[in-house]
C-alpha atoms as a PDB file:
ATOM      1  CA  UNK A   1      15.106  -6.616   6.339  1.00  0.00           C
ATOM      2  CA  UNK A   2      11.760  -6.264   8.039  1.00  0.00           C
ATOM      3  CA  UNK A   3       8.787  -4.501   6.494  1.00  0.00           C
ATOM      4  CA  UNK A   4       5.557  -3.709   8.294  1.00  0.00           C
ATOM      5  CA  UNK A   5       2.078  -3.191   6.903  1.00  0.00           C
ATOM      6  CA  UNK A   6       0.177  -1.426   9.677  1.00  0.00           C
ATOM      7  CA  UNK A   7      -3.456  -0.531  10.219  1.00  0.00           C
ATOM      8  CA  UNK A   8      -6.405  -1.359  12.386  1.00  0.00           C
ATOM      9  CA  UNK A   9      -8.394  -4.545  11.859  1.00  0.00           C
ATOM     10  CA  UNK A  10     -10.393  -4.642   8.632  1.00  0.00           C
ATOM     11  CA  UNK A  11      -8.408  -1.951   6.800  1.00  0.00           C
ATOM     12  CA  UNK A  12      -7.068  -4.236   4.033  1.00  0.00           C
ATOM     13  CA  UNK A  13      -3.619  -5.241   5.286  1.00  0.00           C
ATOM     14  CA  UNK A  14      -4.000  -8.870   4.196  1.00  0.00           C
ATOM     15  CA  UNK A  15      -4.951  -7.862   0.660  1.00  0.00           C
ATOM     16  CA  UNK A  16      -1.780  -5.775   0.379  1.00  0.00           C
ATOM     17  CA  UNK A  17       0.307  -8.584   1.912  1.00  0.00           C
ATOM     18  CA  UNK A  18      -1.109 -11.120  -0.576  1.00  0.00           C
ATOM     19  CA  UNK A  19      -0.414  -8.815  -3.528  1.00  0.00           C
ATOM     20  CA  UNK A  20       3.122  -8.229  -2.300  1.00  0.00           C
ATOM     21  CA  UNK A  21       3.943 -11.920  -1.819  1.00  0.00           C
ATOM     22  CA  UNK A  22       2.388 -12.945  -5.146  1.00  0.00           C
ATOM     23  CA  UNK A  23       4.406 -10.245  -6.935  1.00  0.00           C
ATOM     24  CA  UNK A  24       7.631 -11.229  -5.201  1.00  0.00           C
ATOM     25  CA  UNK A  25       7.324 -14.898  -6.118  1.00  0.00           C
ATOM     26  CA  UNK A  26       7.421 -13.991  -9.841  1.00  0.00           C
ATOM     27  CA  UNK A  27      11.085 -12.945  -9.541  1.00  0.00           C
ATOM     28  CA  UNK A  28      12.169 -14.866  -6.431  1.00  0.00           C
ATOM     29  CA  UNK A  29      15.420 -16.788  -6.532  1.00  0.00           C
ATOM     30  CA  UNK A  30      14.720 -18.536  -3.212  1.00  0.00           C
ATOM     31  CA  UNK A  31      11.693 -19.972  -1.478  1.00  0.00           C
ATOM     32  CA  UNK A  32       8.932 -17.967   0.197  1.00  0.00           C
ATOM     33  CA  UNK A  33       6.845 -18.916   3.227  1.00  0.00           C
ATOM     34  CA  UNK A  34       3.522 -17.345   4.267  1.00  0.00           C
ATOM     35  CA  UNK A  35       2.501 -17.777   7.911  1.00  0.00           C
ATOM     36  CA  UNK A  36      -1.149 -17.314   8.818  1.00  0.00           C
ATOM     37  CA  UNK A  37      -3.635 -18.185  11.565  1.00  0.00           C
ATOM     38  CA  UNK A  38      -5.746 -20.333   9.196  1.00  0.00           C
ATOM     39  CA  UNK A  39      -5.888 -21.684   5.620  1.00  0.00           C
ATOM     40  CA  UNK A  40      -8.425 -19.117   4.441  1.00  0.00           C
ATOM     41  CA  UNK A  41      -6.092 -17.513   1.881  1.00  0.00           C
ATOM     42  CA  UNK A  42      -4.745 -20.759   0.424  1.00  0.00           C
ATOM     43  CA  UNK A  43      -6.279 -20.192  -2.995  1.00  0.00           C
ATOM     44  CA  UNK A  44      -5.205 -16.546  -3.164  1.00  0.00           C
ATOM     45  CA  UNK A  45      -1.519 -17.469  -2.929  1.00  0.00           C
ATOM     46  CA  UNK A  46       0.653 -18.684  -5.780  1.00  0.00           C
ATOM     47  CA  UNK A  47       1.287 -22.419  -5.571  1.00  0.00           C
ATOM     48  CA  UNK A  48       5.010 -21.601  -5.364  1.00  0.00           C
ATOM     49  CA  UNK A  49       4.492 -20.097  -1.896  1.00  0.00           C
ATOM     50  CA  UNK A  50       4.408 -22.390   1.122  1.00  0.00           C
ATOM     51  CA  UNK A  51       1.444 -21.571   3.367  1.00  0.00           C
ATOM     52  CA  UNK A  52       1.831 -22.598   6.999  1.00  0.00           C
ATOM     53  CA  UNK A  53      -1.116 -22.443   9.371  1.00  0.00           C
ATOM     54  CA  UNK A  54       0.639 -21.595  12.642  1.00  0.00           C
ATOM     55  CA  UNK A  55      -2.396 -22.688  14.691  1.00  0.00           C
ATOM     56  CA  UNK A  56      -1.731 -26.304  13.607  1.00  0.00           C
ATOM     57  CA  UNK A  57       1.497 -26.377  15.629  1.00  0.00           C
ATOM     58  CA  UNK A  58       0.166 -25.862  19.187  1.00  0.00           C
ATOM     59  CA  UNK A  59       2.206 -22.710  19.813  1.00  0.00           C
ATOM     60  CA  UNK A  60       1.215 -21.063  23.092  1.00  0.00           C
ATOM     61  CA  UNK A  61       3.516 -18.054  23.562  1.00  0.00           C
ATOM     62  CA  UNK A  62       5.934 -15.716  21.821  1.00  0.00           C
ATOM     63  CA  UNK A  63       9.026 -17.740  22.760  1.00  0.00           C
ATOM     64  CA  UNK A  64       7.569 -20.843  21.147  1.00  0.00           C
ATOM     65  CA  UNK A  65       6.675 -18.779  18.089  1.00  0.00           C
ATOM     66  CA  UNK A  66      10.242 -17.474  17.776  1.00  0.00           C
ATOM     67  CA  UNK A  67      11.527 -21.046  18.043  1.00  0.00           C
ATOM     68  CA  UNK A  68       9.050 -22.118  15.361  1.00  0.00           C
ATOM     69  CA  UNK A  69      10.277 -19.309  13.114  1.00  0.00           C
ATOM     70  CA  UNK A  70      13.899 -20.378  13.610  1.00  0.00           C
ATOM     71  CA  UNK A  71      12.902 -23.963  12.839  1.00  0.00           C
ATOM     72  CA  UNK A  72      11.425 -22.906   9.507  1.00  0.00           C
ATOM     73  CA  UNK A  73      14.602 -21.002   8.663  1.00  0.00           C
ATOM     74  CA  UNK A  74      16.869 -23.889   9.678  1.00  0.00           C
ATOM     75  CA  UNK A  75      15.037 -26.324   7.387  1.00  0.00           C
ATOM     76  CA  UNK A  76      15.305 -24.261   4.214  1.00  0.00           C
ATOM     77  CA  UNK A  77      18.692 -22.882   3.191  1.00  0.00           C
ATOM     78  CA  UNK A  78      17.145 -21.256   0.111  1.00  0.00           C
ATOM     79  CA  UNK A  79      14.600 -19.286   2.142  1.00  0.00           C
ATOM     80  CA  UNK A  80      14.327 -15.743   0.835  1.00  0.00           C
ATOM     81  CA  UNK A  81      11.251 -14.268   2.527  1.00  0.00           C
ATOM     82  CA  UNK A  82       8.699 -14.957   5.219  1.00  0.00           C
ATOM     83  CA  UNK A  83       5.344 -13.181   5.261  1.00  0.00           C
ATOM     84  CA  UNK A  84       3.506 -13.068   8.572  1.00  0.00           C
ATOM     85  CA  UNK A  85      -0.195 -12.294   8.376  1.00  0.00           C
ATOM     86  CA  UNK A  86      -1.874 -11.360  11.668  1.00  0.00           C
ATOM     87  CA  UNK A  87       1.560 -11.051  13.295  1.00  0.00           C
ATOM     88  CA  UNK A  88       0.251 -10.001  16.713  1.00  0.00           C
ATOM     89  CA  UNK A  89      -2.049 -13.035  16.853  1.00  0.00           C
ATOM     90  CA  UNK A  90       0.195 -15.773  15.457  1.00  0.00           C
ATOM     91  CA  UNK A  91       3.237 -14.512  17.378  1.00  0.00           C
ATOM     92  CA  UNK A  92       1.446 -14.054  20.710  1.00  0.00           C
ATOM     93  CA  UNK A  93       2.580 -10.442  20.698  1.00  0.00           C
ATOM     94  CA  UNK A  94       1.061  -7.878  23.044  1.00  0.00           C
ATOM     95  CA  UNK A  95       1.929  -4.463  24.477  1.00  0.00           C
ATOM     96  CA  UNK A  96       4.193  -6.053  27.096  1.00  0.00           C
ATOM     97  CA  UNK A  97       6.421  -8.037  24.729  1.00  0.00           C
ATOM     98  CA  UNK A  98       6.184  -6.304  21.329  1.00  0.00           C
ATOM     99  CA  UNK A  99       9.613  -4.649  21.562  1.00  0.00           C
ATOM    100  CA  UNK A 100      11.304  -7.845  22.738  1.00  0.00           C
ATOM    101  CA  UNK A 101       9.714  -9.988  19.992  1.00  0.00           C
ATOM    102  CA  UNK A 102      10.419  -7.416  17.287  1.00  0.00           C
ATOM    103  CA  UNK A 103      14.072  -7.072  18.338  1.00  0.00           C
ATOM    104  CA  UNK A 104      14.510 -10.860  18.203  1.00  0.00           C
ATOM    105  CA  UNK A 105      12.852 -11.071  14.787  1.00  0.00           C
ATOM    106  CA  UNK A 106      15.067  -8.251  13.544  1.00  0.00           C
ATOM    107  CA  UNK A 107      18.166 -10.090  14.830  1.00  0.00           C
ATOM    108  CA  UNK A 108      17.006 -13.319  13.149  1.00  0.00           C
ATOM    109  CA  UNK A 109      16.367 -11.474   9.888  1.00  0.00           C
ATOM    110  CA  UNK A 110      19.817  -9.888   9.928  1.00  0.00           C
ATOM    111  CA  UNK A 111      21.671 -13.021  10.975  1.00  0.00           C
ATOM    112  CA  UNK A 112      20.150 -15.297   8.348  1.00  0.00           C
ATOM    113  CA  UNK A 113      19.593 -12.649   5.650  1.00  0.00           C
ATOM    114  CA  UNK A 114      15.847 -13.360   5.469  1.00  0.00           C
ATOM    115  CA  UNK A 115      13.284 -10.737   4.478  1.00  0.00           C
ATOM    116  CA  UNK A 116      10.223 -10.583   6.706  1.00  0.00           C
ATOM    117  CA  UNK A 117       7.009  -8.735   6.007  1.00  0.00           C
ATOM    118  CA  UNK A 118       4.608  -8.367   8.925  1.00  0.00           C
ATOM    119  CA  UNK A 119       0.942  -7.462   8.944  1.00  0.00           C
ATOM    120  CA  UNK A 120       0.386  -5.596  12.230  1.00  0.00           C
ATOM    121  CA  UNK A 121      -3.086  -4.665  13.477  1.00  0.00           C
ATOM    122  CA  UNK A 122      -2.103  -1.313  14.950  1.00  0.00           C
ATOM    123  CA  UNK A 123      -2.422   2.218  13.681  1.00  0.00           C
ATOM    124  CA  UNK A 124       0.877   3.919  12.866  1.00  0.00           C
ATOM    125  CA  UNK A 125       0.704   6.117  15.968  1.00  0.00           C
ATOM    126  CA  UNK A 126       0.331   3.005  18.191  1.00  0.00           C
ATOM    127  CA  UNK A 127       3.452   1.309  16.847  1.00  0.00           C
ATOM    128  CA  UNK A 128       6.533   1.543  19.085  1.00  0.00           C
ATOM    129  CA  UNK A 129       9.140   4.073  17.930  1.00  0.00           C
ATOM    130  CA  UNK A 130      11.809   1.444  17.180  1.00  0.00           C
ATOM    131  CA  UNK A 131       9.452  -0.224  14.669  1.00  0.00           C
ATOM    132  CA  UNK A 132       8.188   2.851  12.818  1.00  0.00           C
ATOM    133  CA  UNK A 133      11.205   2.941  10.482  1.00  0.00           C
ATOM    134  CA  UNK A 134      10.079  -0.422   9.086  1.00  0.00           C
ATOM    135  CA  UNK A 135       6.516   0.622   8.202  1.00  0.00           C
ATOM    136  CA  UNK A 136       6.031   0.546   4.428  1.00  0.00           C
ATOM    137  CA  UNK A 137       2.231   0.903   4.414  1.00  0.00           C
ATOM    138  CA  UNK A 138       0.092   2.582   7.073  1.00  0.00           C
ATOM    139  CA  UNK A 139      -3.666   2.256   6.571  1.00  0.00           C
END
């Protein structure tokens, strides 16, 4: 399952994402990973959540990001959820490839039964139609 928290930059998406992940970890049966573009939110996350700074891994395009995501999944058979803060930035997603990247992430989520929650810096009306069904919060 994929969930999207949408809104323009500075609207409070990260705060909602952090609250959601910290609430989920209280009842989680598997492990949870939080992907971000820096370590800024390290102390706002429960110590039971693995924070990964994607910028540390020299990823340069969306294909490399998708491979990185699959690598995380392949290394942890108990993985329950992945939270992606600043999804457009860390995933090298733009207007040209957003549908392709989202469709691949959706296929990965379904195949491996992993929940993904994405923070997307777009207003609801800017989000492609095939993604709108996944929006849980629009700021």
